[in-house]
Amino acid sequence: AIPVRLVAPSLERLPVLVYFHGGGFTIGSALTHDGLCRQLAHRAHCAVLSVDYRPAPEHKFPTAVDDAWDAVQWVAQQGGRRNLLTTHLAVGGDSAGGTLAAVCAIQARDAGLPLALQLLFYPGCAAHQDTPSHTTYARGLVLEAPAIDWFFGHYVHSRDEREDWRFAPLLAPDVDGVAPAWIGLAECDPLVDEGVDYGDKLRAAAVPVDLEIYRGVTHEFIKMGRAIAEARTAHGDAARALRQAFRLES
């Protein structure tokens, strides 16, 4: 059984965002991201189902991917019994959770499961940390290079696993026909370049992409809405994208 946490702004039958928390596949939980999920549920007027996938190092790659995809399939098949409008289904996540959401969007395409949106906050997309932003922001901010090495060292066993597209969506053979994407990135973040690159990969495959870079903020900013105005702006932008994807507004 995979634990999940469901939040919703009302008891009516609502569209649903399946959300995967960040934390380098190693830390974090539905509880650490509860405030963010409640903000999205309230602002987008949708249900948000946050997934507690099994973490590393006890559960290495591809366990998190398998749990994430199992959760999406469960919602699609059984969510109606929980008063969820499964014809209006999106996936989302931040950091490692954004990686999982991007991977699930590809798996959903392959399975013929329609998704309204993939909502990606600063997703990890590359196999190796060799972009310019990884050098520029390697030290002194929230997510430092040694921490990235520590997370991935606990999650993946080998170079081959790093170059599996389920770890690095930029290496996916193709992304034609995946769900439209909203991508929110932090300017001062090692992951910003690979997030831009993934947006470009999607656009090259004719996937609609709305990409925002929030200036002057770091990785993890999306959970800092009580302190950082850019986080509150990003909450509103993401919620607007969800409402439009769910056709709750024009």
C-alpha atoms as a PDB file:
ATOM      1  CA  ALA A   1       0.000   0.000   0.000  1.00  0.00           C
ATOM      2  CA  ILE A   2       1.229   3.496  -0.890  1.00  0.00           C
ATOM      3  CA  PRO A   3       0.108   6.176   1.612  1.00  0.00           C
ATOM      4  CA  VAL A   4      -1.554   9.245   0.100  1.00  0.00           C
ATOM      5  CA  ARG A   5      -2.982  12.456   1.523  1.00  0.00           C
ATOM      6  CA  LEU A   6      -6.057  13.961  -0.121  1.00  0.00           C
ATOM      7  CA  VAL A   7      -6.965  17.626   0.331  1.00  0.00           C
ATOM      8  CA  ALA A   8      -9.889  19.381  -1.324  1.00  0.00           C
ATOM      9  CA  PRO A   9     -11.590  22.766  -0.936  1.00  0.00           C
ATOM     10  CA  SER A  10     -15.102  21.308  -0.932  1.00  0.00           C
ATOM     11  CA  LEU A  11     -17.049  18.060  -0.879  1.00  0.00           C
ATOM     12  CA  GLU A  12     -18.160  18.383  -4.496  1.00  0.00           C
ATOM     13  CA  ARG A  13     -16.794  16.131  -7.228  1.00  0.00           C
ATOM     14  CA  LEU A  14     -13.552  17.810  -8.287  1.00  0.00           C
ATOM     15  CA  PRO A  15     -10.747  17.487 -10.816  1.00  0.00           C
ATOM     16  CA  VAL A  16      -7.612  16.032  -9.259  1.00  0.00           C
ATOM     17  CA  LEU A  17      -3.904  16.810  -9.254  1.00  0.00           C
ATOM     18  CA  VAL A  18      -1.721  13.840  -8.288  1.00  0.00           C
ATOM     19  CA  TYR A  19       1.275  15.461  -6.571  1.00  0.00           C
ATOM     20  CA  PHE A  20       4.773  14.108  -5.863  1.00  0.00           C
ATOM     21  CA  HIS A  21       6.891  15.833  -3.225  1.00  0.00           C
ATOM     22  CA  GLY A  22      10.509  16.845  -3.660  1.00  0.00           C
ATOM     23  CA  GLY A  23      13.471  15.796  -1.542  1.00  0.00           C
ATOM     24  CA  GLY A  24      15.989  14.126  -3.815  1.00  0.00           C
ATOM     25  CA  PHE A  25      14.011  10.856  -3.750  1.00  0.00           C
ATOM     26  CA  THR A  26      15.381  10.507  -0.220  1.00  0.00           C
ATOM     27  CA  ILE A  27      13.704  12.980   2.165  1.00  0.00           C
ATOM     28  CA  GLY A  28      10.376  14.799   2.321  1.00  0.00           C
ATOM     29  CA  SER A  29       6.847  13.485   2.549  1.00  0.00           C
ATOM     30  CA  ALA A  30       3.222  14.379   1.961  1.00  0.00           C
ATOM     31  CA  LEU A  31       3.362  16.122   5.338  1.00  0.00           C
ATOM     32  CA  THR A  32       6.306  18.395   4.447  1.00  0.00           C
ATOM     33  CA  HIS A  33       4.406  19.519   1.336  1.00  0.00           C
ATOM     34  CA  ASP A  34       0.946  19.706   2.866  1.00  0.00           C
ATOM     35  CA  GLY A  35       0.898  23.518   2.946  1.00  0.00           C
ATOM     36  CA  LEU A  36       1.800  23.753  -0.735  1.00  0.00           C
ATOM     37  CA  CYS A  37      -0.802  21.151  -1.692  1.00  0.00           C
ATOM     38  CA  ARG A  38      -3.473  23.000   0.289  1.00  0.00           C
ATOM     39  CA  GLN A  39      -2.569  26.257  -1.466  1.00  0.00           C
ATOM     40  CA  LEU A  40      -2.893  24.607  -4.875  1.00  0.00           C
ATOM     41  CA  ALA A  41      -6.172  22.921  -3.938  1.00  0.00           C
ATOM     42  CA  HIS A  42      -7.650  26.172  -2.642  1.00  0.00           C
ATOM     43  CA  ARG A  43      -6.466  28.407  -5.470  1.00  0.00           C
ATOM     44  CA  ALA A  44      -7.186  25.962  -8.304  1.00  0.00           C
ATOM     45  CA  HIS A  45     -10.403  24.643  -6.745  1.00  0.00           C
ATOM     46  CA  CYS A  46      -9.353  21.060  -7.325  1.00  0.00           C
ATOM     47  CA  ALA A  47      -8.520  18.037  -5.223  1.00  0.00           C
ATOM     48  CA  VAL A  48      -4.825  17.360  -4.634  1.00  0.00           C
ATOM     49  CA  LEU A  49      -3.713  13.840  -3.841  1.00  0.00           C
ATOM     50  CA  SER A  50      -0.164  13.865  -2.440  1.00  0.00           C
ATOM     51  CA  VAL A  51       1.735  10.592  -2.781  1.00  0.00           C
ATOM     52  CA  ASP A  52       4.148   9.232  -0.152  1.00  0.00           C
ATOM     53  CA  TYR A  53       6.255   7.147  -2.513  1.00  0.00           C
ATOM     54  CA  ARG A  54       8.899   4.949  -0.878  1.00  0.00           C
ATOM     55  CA  PRO A  55      12.211   6.808  -0.349  1.00  0.00           C
ATOM     56  CA  ALA A  56      15.859   5.886  -0.823  1.00  0.00           C
ATOM     57  CA  PRO A  57      18.181   4.540   0.416  1.00  0.00           C
ATOM     58  CA  GLU A  58      15.899   1.722   1.552  1.00  0.00           C
ATOM     59  CA  HIS A  59      14.110   1.829  -1.795  1.00  0.00           C
ATOM     60  CA  LYS A  60      16.369   2.688  -4.708  1.00  0.00           C
ATOM     61  CA  PHE A  61      15.619   3.519  -8.333  1.00  0.00           C
ATOM     62  CA  PRO A  62      13.167   2.815  -9.876  1.00  0.00           C
ATOM     63  CA  THR A  63      10.950   2.290  -6.800  1.00  0.00           C
ATOM     64  CA  ALA A  64       9.832   5.930  -6.637  1.00  0.00           C
ATOM     65  CA  VAL A  65       8.926   5.843 -10.334  1.00  0.00           C
ATOM     66  CA  ASP A  66       6.948   2.618  -9.908  1.00  0.00           C
ATOM     67  CA  ASP A  67       5.079   3.991  -6.875  1.00  0.00           C
ATOM     68  CA  ALA A  68       4.285   7.246  -8.668  1.00  0.00           C
ATOM     69  CA  TRP A  69       2.911   5.508 -11.742  1.00  0.00           C
ATOM     70  CA  ASP A  70       0.956   3.022  -9.611  1.00  0.00           C
ATOM     71  CA  ALA A  71      -0.654   5.962  -7.803  1.00  0.00           C
ATOM     72  CA  VAL A  72      -1.633   7.677 -11.052  1.00  0.00           C
ATOM     73  CA  GLN A  73      -3.178   4.483 -12.397  1.00  0.00           C
ATOM     74  CA  TRP A  74      -5.028   3.900  -9.121  1.00  0.00           C
ATOM     75  CA  VAL A  75      -6.529   7.391  -9.232  1.00  0.00           C
ATOM     76  CA  ALA A  76      -7.554   6.936 -12.863  1.00  0.00           C
ATOM     77  CA  GLN A  77      -9.215   3.592 -12.113  1.00  0.00           C
ATOM     78  CA  GLN A  78     -10.520   4.042  -8.552  1.00  0.00           C
ATOM     79  CA  GLY A  79     -10.661   7.786  -7.936  1.00  0.00           C
ATOM     80  CA  GLY A  80     -14.322   7.998  -8.862  1.00  0.00           C
ATOM     81  CA  ARG A  81     -15.092   6.018  -5.716  1.00  0.00           C
ATOM     82  CA  ARG A  82     -13.418   8.816  -3.730  1.00  0.00           C
ATOM     83  CA  ASN A  83     -15.526  11.518  -5.397  1.00  0.00           C
ATOM     84  CA  LEU A  84     -12.719  12.531  -7.764  1.00  0.00           C
ATOM     85  CA  LEU A  85     -13.432  13.657 -11.314  1.00  0.00           C
ATOM     86  CA  THR A  86     -10.956  11.321 -12.985  1.00  0.00           C
ATOM     87  CA  THR A  87     -11.773  12.592 -16.471  1.00  0.00           C
ATOM     88  CA  HIS A  88      -9.923  15.753 -15.352  1.00  0.00           C
ATOM     89  CA  LEU A  89      -6.571  14.441 -14.100  1.00  0.00           C
ATOM     90  CA  ALA A  90      -3.186  16.170 -13.824  1.00  0.00           C
ATOM     91  CA  VAL A  91       0.204  15.260 -12.394  1.00  0.00           C
ATOM     92  CA  GLY A  92       2.624  17.574 -10.641  1.00  0.00           C
ATOM     93  CA  GLY A  93       5.608  17.799  -8.367  1.00  0.00           C
ATOM     94  CA  ASP A  94       8.628  19.787  -7.274  1.00  0.00           C
ATOM     95  CA  SER A  95      12.305  18.907  -7.781  1.00  0.00           C
ATOM     96  CA  ALA A  96      12.541  15.075  -7.619  1.00  0.00           C
ATOM     97  CA  GLY A  97       8.745  15.064  -7.546  1.00  0.00           C
ATOM     98  CA  GLY A  98       8.778  17.101 -10.743  1.00  0.00           C
ATOM     99  CA  THR A  99      10.953  14.400 -12.275  1.00  0.00           C
ATOM    100  CA  LEU A 100       8.376  11.795 -11.269  1.00  0.00           C
ATOM    101  CA  ALA A 101       5.527  13.885 -12.698  1.00  0.00           C
ATOM    102  CA  ALA A 102       7.343  14.326 -16.017  1.00  0.00           C
ATOM    103  CA  VAL A 103       8.018  10.588 -16.193  1.00  0.00           C
ATOM    104  CA  CYS A 104       4.384   9.784 -15.365  1.00  0.00           C
ATOM    105  CA  ALA A 105       3.265  12.096 -18.168  1.00  0.00           C
ATOM    106  CA  ILE A 106       5.300  10.018 -20.623  1.00  0.00           C
ATOM    107  CA  GLN A 107       4.001   6.762 -19.152  1.00  0.00           C
ATOM    108  CA  ALA A 108       0.428   8.068 -19.340  1.00  0.00           C
ATOM    109  CA  ARG A 109       0.943   8.898 -23.026  1.00  0.00           C
ATOM    110  CA  ASP A 110       2.204   5.372 -23.638  1.00  0.00           C
ATOM    111  CA  ALA A 111      -0.746   3.866 -21.735  1.00  0.00           C
ATOM    112  CA  GLY A 112      -3.342   5.975 -23.520  1.00  0.00           C
ATOM    113  CA  LEU A 113      -4.301   7.744 -20.286  1.00  0.00           C
ATOM    114  CA  PRO A 114      -5.175  11.375 -21.028  1.00  0.00           C
ATOM    115  CA  LEU A 115      -3.800  13.997 -18.652  1.00  0.00           C
ATOM    116  CA  ALA A 116      -4.887  17.609 -18.566  1.00  0.00           C
ATOM    117  CA  LEU A 117      -1.511  18.977 -17.439  1.00  0.00           C
ATOM    118  CA  GLN A 118       1.938  18.210 -16.058  1.00  0.00           C
ATOM    119  CA  LEU A 119       2.752  20.837 -13.413  1.00  0.00           C
ATOM    120  CA  LEU A 120       6.513  20.928 -12.817  1.00  0.00           C
ATOM    121  CA  PHE A 121       8.259  23.044 -10.191  1.00  0.00           C
ATOM    122  CA  TYR A 122      12.040  23.087 -10.890  1.00  0.00           C
ATOM    123  CA  PRO A 123      12.115  19.427 -12.013  1.00  0.00           C
ATOM    124  CA  GLY A 124      15.302  17.400 -12.208  1.00  0.00           C
ATOM    125  CA  CYS A 125      15.633  16.389 -15.855  1.00  0.00           C
ATOM    126  CA  ALA A 126      19.274  15.618 -16.648  1.00  0.00           C
ATOM    127  CA  ALA A 127      21.437  12.559 -16.100  1.00  0.00           C
ATOM    128  CA  HIS A 128      24.487  14.510 -14.946  1.00  0.00           C
ATOM    129  CA  GLN A 129      24.987  17.817 -13.180  1.00  0.00           C
ATOM    130  CA  ASP A 130      27.044  19.486 -15.906  1.00  0.00           C
ATOM    131  CA  THR A 131      24.992  22.502 -17.025  1.00  0.00           C
ATOM    132  CA  PRO A 132      26.265  26.062 -16.417  1.00  0.00           C
ATOM    133  CA  SER A 133      23.699  26.649 -13.663  1.00  0.00           C
ATOM    134  CA  HIS A 134      25.068  23.683 -11.724  1.00  0.00           C
ATOM    135  CA  THR A 135      28.443  25.459 -11.694  1.00  0.00           C
ATOM    136  CA  THR A 136      27.087  28.944 -11.003  1.00  0.00           C
ATOM    137  CA  TYR A 137      24.886  27.890  -8.077  1.00  0.00           C
ATOM    138  CA  ALA A 138      26.959  24.984  -6.741  1.00  0.00           C
ATOM    139  CA  ARG A 139      27.594  26.636  -3.362  1.00  0.00           C
ATOM    140  CA  GLY A 140      26.015  29.050  -0.935  1.00  0.00           C
ATOM    141  CA  LEU A 141      22.306  28.574  -1.638  1.00  0.00           C
ATOM    142  CA  VAL A 142      19.664  26.070  -0.571  1.00  0.00           C
ATOM    143  CA  LEU A 143      20.638  23.166  -2.849  1.00  0.00           C
ATOM    144  CA  GLU A 144      24.409  22.698  -3.004  1.00  0.00           C
ATOM    145  CA  ALA A 145      26.397  20.316  -5.197  1.00  0.00           C
ATOM    146  CA  PRO A 146      27.385  17.982  -2.319  1.00  0.00           C
ATOM    147  CA  ALA A 147      23.729  17.608  -1.355  1.00  0.00           C
ATOM    148  CA  ILE A 148      22.769  16.668  -4.913  1.00  0.00           C
ATOM    149  CA  ASP A 149      25.551  14.078  -4.959  1.00  0.00           C
ATOM    150  CA  TRP A 150      24.344  12.722  -1.607  1.00  0.00           C
ATOM    151  CA  PHE A 151      20.732  12.417  -2.757  1.00  0.00           C
ATOM    152  CA  PHE A 152      21.545  10.718  -6.036  1.00  0.00           C
ATOM    153  CA  GLY A 153      24.184   8.519  -4.453  1.00  0.00           C
ATOM    154  CA  HIS A 154      21.471   7.052  -2.254  1.00  0.00           C
ATOM    155  CA  TYR A 155      18.937   6.674  -5.089  1.00  0.00           C
ATOM    156  CA  VAL A 156      20.775   5.319  -8.139  1.00  0.00           C
ATOM    157  CA  HIS A 157      23.231   2.432  -8.269  1.00  0.00           C
ATOM    158  CA  SER A 158      25.141   3.024 -11.479  1.00  0.00           C
ATOM    159  CA  ARG A 159      25.838   5.241 -14.483  1.00  0.00           C
ATOM    160  CA  ASP A 160      23.377   3.173 -16.509  1.00  0.00           C
ATOM    161  CA  GLU A 161      20.601   4.066 -14.068  1.00  0.00           C
ATOM    162  CA  ARG A 162      21.515   7.751 -14.238  1.00  0.00           C
ATOM    163  CA  GLU A 163      21.090   7.556 -17.999  1.00  0.00           C
ATOM    164  CA  ASP A 164      17.701   5.846 -17.790  1.00  0.00           C
ATOM    165  CA  TRP A 165      15.060   8.322 -18.978  1.00  0.00           C
ATOM    166  CA  ARG A 166      12.970   7.508 -15.900  1.00  0.00           C
ATOM    167  CA  PHE A 167      15.714   9.242 -13.902  1.00  0.00           C
ATOM    168  CA  ALA A 168      16.535  11.845 -16.565  1.00  0.00           C
ATOM    169  CA  PRO A 169      13.482  12.749 -18.693  1.00  0.00           C
ATOM    170  CA  LEU A 170      15.691  14.747 -21.064  1.00  0.00           C
ATOM    171  CA  LEU A 171      16.892  11.350 -22.307  1.00  0.00           C
ATOM    172  CA  ALA A 172      13.391  10.088 -23.131  1.00  0.00           C
ATOM    173  CA  PRO A 173      13.364   8.756 -26.717  1.00  0.00           C
ATOM    174  CA  ASP A 174      10.456  11.027 -27.565  1.00  0.00           C
ATOM    175  CA  VAL A 175       7.894  13.197 -25.794  1.00  0.00           C
ATOM    176  CA  ASP A 176       5.460  13.586 -28.673  1.00  0.00           C
ATOM    177  CA  GLY A 177       1.874  13.691 -27.480  1.00  0.00           C
ATOM    178  CA  VAL A 178       2.530  14.065 -23.752  1.00  0.00           C
ATOM    179  CA  ALA A 179       0.321  16.329 -21.654  1.00  0.00           C
ATOM    180  CA  PRO A 180       0.757  20.104 -21.876  1.00  0.00           C
ATOM    181  CA  ALA A 181       3.244  21.452 -19.348  1.00  0.00           C
ATOM    182  CA  TRP A 182       3.422  24.335 -16.918  1.00  0.00           C
ATOM    183  CA  ILE A 183       7.004  24.688 -15.675  1.00  0.00           C
ATOM    184  CA  GLY A 184       7.974  27.008 -12.817  1.00  0.00           C
ATOM    185  CA  LEU A 185      11.703  27.508 -12.251  1.00  0.00           C
ATOM    186  CA  ALA A 186      13.848  29.397  -9.740  1.00  0.00           C
ATOM    187  CA  GLU A 187      16.483  31.696 -11.241  1.00  0.00           C
ATOM    188  CA  CYS A 188      19.175  30.936  -8.625  1.00  0.00           C
ATOM    189  CA  ASP A 189      18.915  27.165  -8.765  1.00  0.00           C
ATOM    190  CA  PRO A 190      21.327  24.510 -10.050  1.00  0.00           C
ATOM    191  CA  LEU A 191      18.372  22.883 -11.843  1.00  0.00           C
ATOM    192  CA  VAL A 192      17.212  25.938 -13.793  1.00  0.00           C
ATOM    193  CA  ASP A 193      19.094  25.131 -17.020  1.00  0.00           C
ATOM    194  CA  GLU A 194      17.833  21.566 -17.259  1.00  0.00           C
ATOM    195  CA  GLY A 195      14.292  22.797 -16.612  1.00  0.00           C
ATOM    196  CA  VAL A 196      14.638  25.203 -19.557  1.00  0.00           C
ATOM    197  CA  ASP A 197      16.117  22.405 -21.653  1.00  0.00           C
ATOM    198  CA  TYR A 198      13.173  20.144 -20.872  1.00  0.00           C
ATOM    199  CA  GLY A 199      10.738  22.869 -21.819  1.00  0.00           C
ATOM    200  CA  ASP A 200      12.589  23.204 -25.129  1.00  0.00           C
ATOM    201  CA  LYS A 201      12.422  19.431 -25.666  1.00  0.00           C
ATOM    202  CA  LEU A 202       8.670  19.482 -25.139  1.00  0.00           C
ATOM    203  CA  ARG A 203       8.183  22.478 -27.444  1.00  0.00           C
ATOM    204  CA  ALA A 204      10.251  20.775 -30.149  1.00  0.00           C
ATOM    205  CA  ALA A 205       7.729  17.931 -29.982  1.00  0.00           C
ATOM    206  CA  ALA A 206       4.839  20.416 -30.383  1.00  0.00           C
ATOM    207  CA  VAL A 207       3.762  20.033 -26.731  1.00  0.00           C
ATOM    208  CA  PRO A 208       2.228  23.260 -25.360  1.00  0.00           C
ATOM    209  CA  VAL A 209       4.531  24.688 -22.682  1.00  0.00           C
ATOM    210  CA  ASP A 210       4.118  27.629 -20.319  1.00  0.00           C
ATOM    211  CA  LEU A 211       7.474  28.242 -18.615  1.00  0.00           C
ATOM    212  CA  GLU A 212       8.093  30.838 -15.924  1.00  0.00           C
ATOM    213  CA  ILE A 213      11.412  31.724 -14.288  1.00  0.00           C
ATOM    214  CA  TYR A 214      10.955  33.457 -10.926  1.00  0.00           C
ATOM    215  CA  ARG A 215      13.747  35.969 -10.476  1.00  0.00           C
ATOM    216  CA  GLY A 216      16.030  36.130  -7.479  1.00  0.00           C
ATOM    217  CA  VAL A 217      14.758  32.981  -5.756  1.00  0.00           C
ATOM    218  CA  THR A 218      16.319  29.614  -5.017  1.00  0.00           C
ATOM    219  CA  HIS A 219      15.412  25.977  -5.106  1.00  0.00           C
ATOM    220  CA  GLU A 220      12.673  25.198  -2.557  1.00  0.00           C
ATOM    221  CA  PHE A 221      11.174  28.682  -2.816  1.00  0.00           C
ATOM    222  CA  ILE A 222       7.760  27.280  -3.728  1.00  0.00           C
ATOM    223  CA  LYS A 223       7.208  26.173  -0.116  1.00  0.00           C
ATOM    224  CA  MET A 224       8.054  29.626   1.281  1.00  0.00           C
ATOM    225  CA  GLY A 225       4.795  31.394   0.533  1.00  0.00           C
ATOM    226  CA  ARG A 226       4.554  32.949   3.997  1.00  0.00           C
ATOM    227  CA  ALA A 227       7.858  34.762   3.472  1.00  0.00           C
ATOM    228  CA  ILE A 228       8.522  35.196  -0.251  1.00  0.00           C
ATOM    229  CA  ALA A 229       6.225  37.113  -2.579  1.00  0.00           C
ATOM    230  CA  GLU A 230       7.517  35.191  -5.614  1.00  0.00           C
ATOM    231  CA  ALA A 231       6.271  31.958  -4.054  1.00  0.00           C
ATOM    232  CA  ARG A 232       2.786  33.387  -3.688  1.00  0.00           C
ATOM    233  CA  THR A 233       2.941  34.565  -7.292  1.00  0.00           C
ATOM    234  CA  ALA A 234       4.004  31.101  -8.404  1.00  0.00           C
ATOM    235  CA  HIS A 235       1.141  29.528  -6.436  1.00  0.00           C
ATOM    236  CA  GLY A 236      -1.272  31.762  -8.304  1.00  0.00           C
ATOM    237  CA  ASP A 237       0.312  31.082 -11.692  1.00  0.00           C
ATOM    238  CA  ALA A 238       0.288  27.313 -11.146  1.00  0.00           C
ATOM    239  CA  ALA A 239      -3.313  27.383  -9.927  1.00  0.00           C
ATOM    240  CA  ARG A 240      -4.354  29.395 -12.971  1.00  0.00           C
ATOM    241  CA  ALA A 241      -2.700  26.823 -15.235  1.00  0.00           C
ATOM    242  CA  LEU A 242      -4.590  24.040 -13.454  1.00  0.00           C
ATOM    243  CA  ARG A 243      -7.928  25.834 -13.728  1.00  0.00           C
ATOM    244  CA  GLN A 244      -7.390  26.436 -17.425  1.00  0.00           C
ATOM    245  CA  ALA A 245      -6.279  22.844 -18.030  1.00  0.00           C
ATOM    246  CA  PHE A 246      -9.312  21.547 -16.134  1.00  0.00           C
ATOM    247  CA  ARG A 247     -11.443  24.032 -18.115  1.00  0.00           C
ATOM    248  CA  LEU A 248     -12.641  25.730 -14.954  1.00  0.00           C
ATOM    249  CA  GLU A 249     -11.939  29.065 -16.619  1.00  0.00           C
ATOM    250  CA  SER A 250     -11.154  30.328 -20.118  1.00  0.00           C
END
